[in-house]
Protein backbone atom coordinates (compact mmCIF):
# COMPACT_ATOMS: atom_id res chain seq x y z
CA UNK A 1 -20.82 22.29 -34.91
CA UNK A 2 -19.02 23.41 -31.77
CA UNK A 3 -20.01 20.28 -29.83
CA UNK A 4 -18.56 18.04 -32.54
CA UNK A 5 -15.38 20.13 -32.58
CA UNK A 6 -15.21 19.91 -28.76
CA UNK A 7 -15.57 16.13 -28.86
CA UNK A 8 -12.82 15.87 -31.45
CA UNK A 9 -10.53 18.07 -29.34
CA UNK A 10 -11.24 15.95 -26.28
CA UNK A 11 -10.48 12.74 -28.16
CA UNK A 12 -7.23 14.07 -29.61
CA UNK A 13 -6.16 15.38 -26.21
CA UNK A 14 -6.85 11.98 -24.71
CA UNK A 15 -4.83 10.24 -27.41
CA UNK A 16 -1.96 12.71 -26.87
CA UNK A 17 -1.98 11.83 -23.19
CA UNK A 18 -1.73 8.14 -24.03
CA UNK A 19 1.08 8.54 -26.54
CA UNK A 20 3.23 10.83 -24.37
CA UNK A 21 6.13 8.66 -23.12
CA UNK A 22 7.21 11.23 -20.52
CA UNK A 23 3.90 11.05 -18.58
CA UNK A 24 3.97 8.56 -15.78
CA UNK A 25 0.81 9.74 -14.07
CA UNK A 26 -1.62 6.89 -13.40
CA UNK A 27 -4.51 9.23 -12.64
CA UNK A 28 -4.31 10.50 -16.21
CA UNK A 29 -4.41 6.93 -17.45
CA UNK A 30 -7.44 6.13 -15.29
CA UNK A 31 -9.48 8.95 -16.81
CA UNK A 32 -9.07 7.66 -20.33
CA UNK A 33 -12.20 6.20 -21.89
CA UNK A 34 -13.22 5.32 -25.41
CA UNK A 35 -14.68 8.21 -27.40
CA UNK A 36 -18.43 8.64 -26.95
CA UNK A 37 -20.98 10.16 -29.29
CA UNK A 38 -21.44 13.92 -29.03
CA UNK A 39 -24.91 13.41 -27.53
CA UNK A 40 -23.47 11.63 -24.49
CA UNK A 41 -22.28 14.09 -21.84
CA UNK A 42 -20.17 11.78 -19.66
CA UNK A 43 -17.56 9.15 -20.53
CA UNK A 44 -17.72 5.78 -18.74
CA UNK A 45 -14.86 5.46 -16.21
CA UNK A 46 -12.35 2.62 -16.47
CA UNK A 47 -12.95 -0.09 -13.87
CA UNK A 48 -9.97 -0.46 -11.55
CA UNK A 49 -9.01 -3.45 -9.45
CA UNK A 50 -9.61 -3.41 -5.73
CA UNK A 51 -5.85 -3.07 -5.19
CA UNK A 52 -5.60 -0.07 -7.54
CA UNK A 53 -8.56 1.64 -5.85
CA UNK A 54 -7.04 1.09 -2.42
CA UNK A 55 -3.65 2.30 -3.62
CA UNK A 56 -5.23 5.50 -4.98
CA UNK A 57 -7.12 6.09 -1.71
CA UNK A 58 -3.95 5.51 0.34
CA UNK A 59 -1.98 7.87 -1.90
CA UNK A 60 -4.65 10.57 -1.55
CA UNK A 61 -4.71 10.08 2.24
CA UNK A 62 -0.94 10.45 2.46
CA UNK A 63 -1.10 13.56 0.24
CA UNK A 64 -3.73 15.04 2.57
CA UNK A 65 -1.52 14.22 5.57
CA UNK A 66 1.38 16.10 3.96
CA UNK A 67 -0.90 19.05 3.18
CA UNK A 68 -2.14 19.20 6.81
CA UNK A 69 1.36 18.73 8.22
CA UNK A 70 2.71 21.73 10.14
CA UNK A 71 4.54 23.21 8.33
CA UNK A 72 3.00 21.86 5.09
CA UNK A 73 5.32 19.40 3.42
CA UNK A 74 5.92 18.76 -0.26
CA UNK A 75 6.39 15.21 -1.50
CA UNK A 76 9.91 16.01 -2.73
CA UNK A 77 10.95 16.94 0.84
CA UNK A 78 9.30 13.91 2.42
CA UNK A 79 11.65 11.45 4.13
CA UNK A 80 11.43 8.13 5.94
CA UNK A 81 11.00 10.07 9.20
CA UNK A 82 7.82 11.68 7.83
CA UNK A 83 6.52 8.26 6.78
CA UNK A 84 7.10 7.03 10.35
CA UNK A 85 5.16 10.05 11.67
CA UNK A 86 2.33 9.11 9.32
CA UNK A 87 2.31 5.49 10.51
CA UNK A 88 2.24 6.59 14.17
CA UNK A 89 -0.56 9.02 13.35
CA UNK A 90 -2.57 6.14 11.85
CA UNK A 91 -2.28 4.16 15.11
CA UNK A 92 -5.09 6.25 16.62
CA UNK A 93 -7.47 4.67 14.10
CA UNK A 94 -6.28 1.11 14.77
CA UNK A 95 -8.53 -1.77 15.83
CA UNK A 96 -5.93 -4.25 17.06
CA UNK A 97 -5.50 -4.59 20.82
CA UNK A 98 -1.79 -4.61 21.66
CA UNK A 99 -1.13 -5.61 25.27
CA UNK A 100 1.55 -3.73 27.22
CA UNK A 101 4.13 -5.68 29.21
CA UNK A 102 2.36 -4.70 32.45
CA UNK A 103 -0.94 -6.17 31.27
CA UNK A 104 -1.82 -9.58 32.79
CA UNK A 105 -2.83 -10.74 29.30
CA UNK A 106 0.54 -9.93 27.72
CA UNK A 107 1.53 -12.92 25.61
CA UNK A 108 -1.98 -14.46 25.54
CA UNK A 109 -3.54 -14.76 22.07
CA UNK A 110 -7.14 -14.89 23.41
CA UNK A 111 -7.54 -12.91 26.66
CA UNK A 112 -10.56 -13.94 28.77
CA UNK A 113 -11.68 -10.39 29.61
CA UNK A 114 -11.23 -6.79 28.41
CA UNK A 115 -8.25 -4.68 29.40
CA UNK A 116 -7.27 -0.99 29.00
CA UNK A 117 -4.42 -1.68 26.54
CA UNK A 118 -4.27 0.59 23.48
CA UNK A 119 -5.66 -0.16 20.04
CA UNK A 120 -3.12 0.03 17.24
CA UNK A 121 -2.86 -0.59 13.53
CA UNK A 122 -2.09 -4.25 12.87
CA UNK A 123 1.35 -5.00 11.49
CA UNK A 124 -0.08 -6.68 8.39
CA UNK A 125 -2.15 -3.61 7.57
CA UNK A 126 0.85 -1.30 7.92
CA UNK A 127 3.02 -3.59 5.83
CA UNK A 128 0.44 -3.72 3.02
CA UNK A 129 -0.08 0.05 3.22
CA UNK A 130 3.64 0.73 2.83
CA UNK A 131 3.78 -1.63 -0.15
CA UNK A 132 0.93 0.23 -1.88
CA UNK A 133 2.39 3.67 -1.09
CA UNK A 134 5.81 2.57 -2.28
CA UNK A 135 4.33 1.53 -5.63
CA UNK A 136 2.17 4.68 -5.87
CA UNK A 137 5.18 6.92 -5.21
CA UNK A 138 7.03 5.50 -8.20
CA UNK A 139 3.91 5.53 -10.40
CA UNK A 140 3.52 9.22 -9.63
CA UNK A 141 6.99 10.12 -10.86
CA UNK A 142 9.16 9.39 -7.83
CA UNK A 143 12.52 7.72 -8.27
CA UNK A 144 13.02 4.32 -6.59
CA UNK A 145 16.28 5.46 -4.95
CA UNK A 146 14.54 8.43 -3.26
CA UNK A 147 11.37 6.54 -2.27
CA UNK A 148 10.71 7.42 1.41
CA UNK A 149 8.46 4.37 1.80
CA UNK A 150 11.40 2.09 1.09
CA UNK A 151 13.70 3.79 3.61
CA UNK A 152 15.65 1.60 6.01
CA UNK A 153 14.02 3.32 9.01
CA UNK A 154 10.57 2.34 7.71
CA UNK A 155 11.60 -1.30 7.23
CA UNK A 156 13.09 -1.41 10.74
CA UNK A 157 9.95 0.17 12.22
CA UNK A 158 7.73 -2.41 10.52
CA UNK A 159 9.92 -5.22 11.82
CA UNK A 160 9.76 -3.74 15.34
CA UNK A 161 5.95 -3.45 15.16
CA UNK A 162 5.66 -7.04 13.92
CA UNK A 163 7.87 -8.39 16.70
CA UNK A 164 6.23 -6.37 19.48
CA UNK A 165 2.73 -7.33 18.36
CA UNK A 166 3.74 -10.97 18.12
CA UNK A 167 5.11 -10.92 21.69
CA UNK A 168 2.06 -9.08 22.99
CA UNK A 169 -0.25 -11.72 21.53
CA UNK A 170 2.00 -14.70 22.21
CA UNK A 171 2.24 -15.54 18.50
CA UNK A 172 5.54 -15.89 16.70
CA UNK A 173 5.94 -14.82 13.11
CA UNK A 174 8.25 -17.33 11.52
CA UNK A 175 9.65 -17.00 8.07
CA UNK A 176 8.09 -19.46 5.69
CA UNK A 177 10.50 -22.12 4.53
CA UNK A 178 11.21 -22.01 0.84
CA UNK A 179 9.92 -25.00 -1.03
CA UNK A 180 12.50 -26.90 -2.96
CA UNK A 181 11.85 -27.24 -6.67
CA UNK A 182 9.84 -30.36 -7.59
CA UNK A 183 12.76 -31.99 -9.43
CA UNK A 184 15.06 -31.80 -6.38
CA UNK A 185 12.36 -33.27 -4.13
CA UNK A 186 11.96 -36.28 -6.41
CA UNK A 187 15.72 -36.87 -6.47
CA UNK A 188 15.86 -36.70 -2.67
CA UNK A 189 13.18 -39.40 -2.25
CA UNK A 190 14.36 -43.02 -2.23
CA UNK A 191 13.22 -45.11 -5.20
CA UNK A 192 9.98 -47.04 -4.59
CA UNK A 193 10.57 -50.65 -3.59
CA UNK A 194 9.04 -53.26 -5.85
CA UNK A 195 8.09 -56.08 -3.50
């Protein structure tokens, strides 16, 4: 009798979590599963997309970084400067060779031999990481106007990393030209000649 009562309590608690409009916690939503018979001891987890899994891992990594920060830092006190510290900390785990200006291979996309230049996080990886953390911050109750991942300093840092890595590799990042709508393109073309 107790196990049936426990299953009913668990189901009602789960449904209360779903119906609560004030909860904005995605981890609570991820734990929700359809009710299972009392004989089953574990509920089947909801399958998340690759993006959602990565976002959750990134969020947990950033939370661990804040916990290990000296002095420990709460999320509410986190600023763009702390995000920049985190990004610089991640550079030690990078796999992208970024040539210094003194390196003979500076500006060459495919150097012919190895060099002692440092490995860094690639700009694209950092940019995607910030996008995921920015979304995770707001999903975990943060306000968009106080989001440290959207701070101006972070955007400027990412732009600086992109430009310096492009120069070091001799590759320019150009903004993609916006495509004109199909209707305007057809109007711009001369009418076909009927000869």
